[in-house]
């Protein structure tokens, strides 16, 4: 089964996204330091993570960065 994981920093901002099984990550923790959360490519109720997206623990979902409003 193909699974997708996003690495988030201390501010819950996505810094990396990988296609890897949870079993492989668990067996090789030295390759995946930090905090990783699963993201879903084919779930219509979830947003697939991208670099710079924010992870919300309450909804277990990712949110795209908001572009600044130009005057």
N, C-alpha and C. Protein backbone atom coordinates (compact mmCIF):
# COMPACT_ATOMS: atom_id res chain seq x y z
N UNK A 1 0.83 -1.18 0.00
CA UNK A 1 0.00 0.00 0.00
C UNK A 1 0.88 1.25 0.00
N UNK A 2 0.57 2.17 -0.87
CA UNK A 2 1.31 3.41 -0.93
C UNK A 2 0.77 4.38 0.11
N UNK A 3 1.66 4.92 0.91
CA UNK A 3 1.27 5.91 1.90
C UNK A 3 2.13 7.15 1.76
N UNK A 4 1.59 8.26 2.19
CA UNK A 4 2.25 9.55 2.06
C UNK A 4 2.38 10.17 3.44
N UNK A 5 3.55 10.74 3.71
CA UNK A 5 3.80 11.37 5.00
C UNK A 5 4.42 12.74 4.79
N UNK A 6 4.04 13.66 5.66
CA UNK A 6 4.59 15.01 5.63
C UNK A 6 5.36 15.26 6.91
N UNK A 7 6.53 15.84 6.78
CA UNK A 7 7.31 16.23 7.95
C UNK A 7 6.91 17.65 8.30
N UNK A 8 6.64 17.87 9.59
CA UNK A 8 6.26 19.21 10.03
C UNK A 8 7.27 19.71 11.06
N UNK A 9 7.47 21.03 11.05
CA UNK A 9 8.40 21.62 12.01
C UNK A 9 7.65 21.98 13.31
N UNK A 10 8.31 22.70 14.19
CA UNK A 10 7.72 23.02 15.50
C UNK A 10 6.53 23.98 15.40
N UNK A 11 6.36 24.62 14.24
CA UNK A 11 5.21 25.51 14.01
C UNK A 11 4.13 24.83 13.17
N UNK A 12 4.25 23.51 12.98
CA UNK A 12 3.30 22.70 12.20
C UNK A 12 3.31 23.05 10.72
N UNK A 13 4.42 23.57 10.22
CA UNK A 13 4.57 23.89 8.81
C UNK A 13 5.26 22.71 8.12
N UNK A 14 4.73 22.30 6.98
CA UNK A 14 5.29 21.17 6.23
C UNK A 14 6.64 21.56 5.62
N UNK A 15 7.65 20.73 5.88
CA UNK A 15 8.99 20.95 5.34
C UNK A 15 9.40 19.89 4.33
N UNK A 16 8.68 18.77 4.30
CA UNK A 16 9.02 17.67 3.39
C UNK A 16 7.81 16.77 3.24
N UNK A 17 7.68 16.13 2.08
CA UNK A 17 6.61 15.15 1.84
C UNK A 17 7.25 13.95 1.18
N UNK A 18 6.93 12.76 1.66
CA UNK A 18 7.52 11.52 1.13
C UNK A 18 6.46 10.45 0.89
N UNK A 19 6.73 9.60 -0.07
CA UNK A 19 5.93 8.40 -0.31
C UNK A 19 6.71 7.25 0.32
N UNK A 20 6.18 6.71 1.41
CA UNK A 20 6.89 5.68 2.17
C UNK A 20 5.90 4.96 3.06
N UNK A 21 6.15 3.70 3.32
CA UNK A 21 5.24 2.97 4.21
C UNK A 21 5.57 3.29 5.67
N UNK A 22 4.56 3.22 6.51
CA UNK A 22 4.74 3.45 7.94
C UNK A 22 5.71 2.42 8.52
N UNK A 23 5.64 1.21 8.02
CA UNK A 23 6.53 0.14 8.50
C UNK A 23 8.00 0.47 8.21
N UNK A 24 8.26 0.99 7.01
CA UNK A 24 9.64 1.34 6.64
C UNK A 24 10.14 2.49 7.51
N UNK A 25 9.27 3.48 7.74
CA UNK A 25 9.67 4.60 8.59
C UNK A 25 9.99 4.12 10.00
N UNK A 26 9.16 3.24 10.54
CA UNK A 26 9.37 2.73 11.89
C UNK A 26 10.66 1.91 11.99
N UNK A 27 11.00 1.19 10.91
CA UNK A 27 12.19 0.36 10.91
C UNK A 27 13.47 1.17 10.66
N UNK A 28 13.31 2.41 10.17
CA UNK A 28 14.47 3.24 9.82
C UNK A 28 14.32 4.66 10.37
N UNK A 29 14.18 4.80 11.68
CA UNK A 29 13.92 6.13 12.25
C UNK A 29 15.04 7.15 11.99
N UNK A 30 16.25 6.67 11.79
CA UNK A 30 17.36 7.59 11.52
C UNK A 30 17.19 8.31 10.18
N UNK A 31 16.40 7.74 9.28
CA UNK A 31 16.14 8.37 7.98
C UNK A 31 14.99 9.38 8.05
N UNK A 32 14.21 9.34 9.12
CA UNK A 32 13.02 10.18 9.25
C UNK A 32 12.98 10.87 10.61
N UNK A 33 13.94 11.76 10.87
CA UNK A 33 13.93 12.46 12.16
C UNK A 33 12.81 13.50 12.20
N UNK A 34 12.42 13.88 13.38
CA UNK A 34 11.40 14.90 13.53
C UNK A 34 10.00 14.32 13.57
N UNK A 35 9.03 15.16 13.28
CA UNK A 35 7.62 14.78 13.34
C UNK A 35 7.07 14.55 11.95
N UNK A 36 6.48 13.38 11.76
CA UNK A 36 5.88 13.01 10.47
C UNK A 36 4.42 12.65 10.70
N UNK A 37 3.53 13.15 9.84
CA UNK A 37 2.11 12.83 9.92
C UNK A 37 1.65 12.38 8.54
N UNK A 38 0.69 11.49 8.53
CA UNK A 38 0.20 10.95 7.26
C UNK A 38 -0.64 12.00 6.54
N UNK A 39 -0.47 12.04 5.22
CA UNK A 39 -1.28 12.89 4.38
C UNK A 39 -1.92 12.00 3.32
N UNK A 40 -3.01 12.43 2.78
CA UNK A 40 -3.80 11.56 1.90
C UNK A 40 -3.93 12.17 0.51
N UNK A 41 -3.50 11.41 -0.48
CA UNK A 41 -3.53 11.86 -1.88
C UNK A 41 -4.91 11.66 -2.50
N UNK A 42 -5.63 10.65 -2.05
CA UNK A 42 -6.88 10.29 -2.72
C UNK A 42 -8.11 10.31 -1.81
N UNK A 43 -8.06 11.11 -0.74
CA UNK A 43 -9.21 11.23 0.16
C UNK A 43 -9.86 12.60 -0.10
N UNK A 44 -11.08 12.62 -0.61
CA UNK A 44 -11.71 13.90 -0.93
C UNK A 44 -12.00 14.78 0.28
N UNK A 45 -11.92 14.21 1.48
CA UNK A 45 -12.17 14.98 2.70
C UNK A 45 -10.90 15.53 3.34
N UNK A 46 -9.77 15.25 2.72
CA UNK A 46 -8.48 15.70 3.26
C UNK A 46 -7.71 16.45 2.19
N UNK A 47 -6.87 17.36 2.62
CA UNK A 47 -6.00 18.11 1.72
C UNK A 47 -4.63 17.46 1.72
N UNK A 48 -4.12 17.16 0.52
CA UNK A 48 -2.78 16.59 0.40
C UNK A 48 -1.76 17.66 0.78
N UNK A 49 -0.79 17.30 1.61
CA UNK A 49 0.20 18.26 2.11
C UNK A 49 1.13 18.72 1.00
N UNK A 50 1.55 19.95 1.12
CA UNK A 50 2.56 20.53 0.25
C UNK A 50 3.54 21.31 1.11
N UNK A 51 4.73 21.53 0.59
CA UNK A 51 5.72 22.31 1.32
C UNK A 51 5.11 23.68 1.63
N UNK A 52 5.20 24.09 2.88
CA UNK A 52 4.67 25.37 3.31
C UNK A 52 3.25 25.32 3.85
N UNK A 53 2.59 24.19 3.68
CA UNK A 53 1.23 24.03 4.22
C UNK A 53 1.32 23.92 5.74
N UNK A 54 0.22 24.20 6.42
CA UNK A 54 0.15 24.10 7.88
C UNK A 54 -0.71 22.89 8.26
N UNK A 55 -0.21 22.12 9.22
CA UNK A 55 -0.97 20.97 9.72
C UNK A 55 -1.75 21.39 10.96
N UNK A 56 -3.02 20.99 11.01
CA UNK A 56 -3.90 21.27 12.15
C UNK A 56 -4.20 19.94 12.84
N UNK A 57 -3.71 19.79 14.07
CA UNK A 57 -3.92 18.55 14.82
C UNK A 57 -5.39 18.30 15.11
N UNK A 58 -6.17 19.35 15.32
CA UNK A 58 -7.58 19.20 15.67
C UNK A 58 -8.38 18.56 14.54
N UNK A 59 -8.11 18.96 13.31
CA UNK A 59 -8.84 18.43 12.16
C UNK A 59 -8.08 17.33 11.44
N UNK A 60 -6.79 17.15 11.82
CA UNK A 60 -5.91 16.20 11.15
C UNK A 60 -5.89 16.46 9.64
N UNK A 61 -5.75 17.75 9.30
CA UNK A 61 -5.76 18.15 7.90
C UNK A 61 -4.71 19.23 7.68
N UNK A 62 -4.40 19.46 6.40
CA UNK A 62 -3.41 20.45 6.00
C UNK A 62 -4.11 21.63 5.32
N UNK A 63 -3.55 22.81 5.52
CA UNK A 63 -4.12 24.02 4.94
C UNK A 63 -3.05 24.78 4.18
N UNK A 64 -3.39 25.21 2.97
CA UNK A 64 -2.46 25.93 2.12
C UNK A 64 -2.14 27.29 2.72
N UNK A 65 -0.93 27.77 2.45
CA UNK A 65 -0.58 29.11 2.94
C UNK A 65 -1.51 30.15 2.30
N UNK A 66 -1.79 31.18 3.05
CA UNK A 66 -2.63 32.27 2.54
C UNK A 66 -1.72 33.32 1.91
N UNK A 67 -1.99 33.64 0.65
CA UNK A 67 -1.18 34.64 -0.04
C UNK A 67 -1.46 36.01 0.54
N UNK A 68 -0.41 36.82 0.67
CA UNK A 68 -0.62 38.17 1.20
C UNK A 68 -1.47 39.00 0.23
N UNK A 69 -2.26 39.88 0.79
CA UNK A 69 -3.10 40.77 -0.01
C UNK A 69 -2.26 41.98 -0.40
N UNK A 70 -2.18 42.23 -1.69
CA UNK A 70 -1.40 43.38 -2.15
C UNK A 70 -2.28 44.61 -2.24
N UNK A 71 -1.71 45.76 -1.86
CA UNK A 71 -2.51 47.00 -1.89
C UNK A 71 -2.88 47.42 -3.31
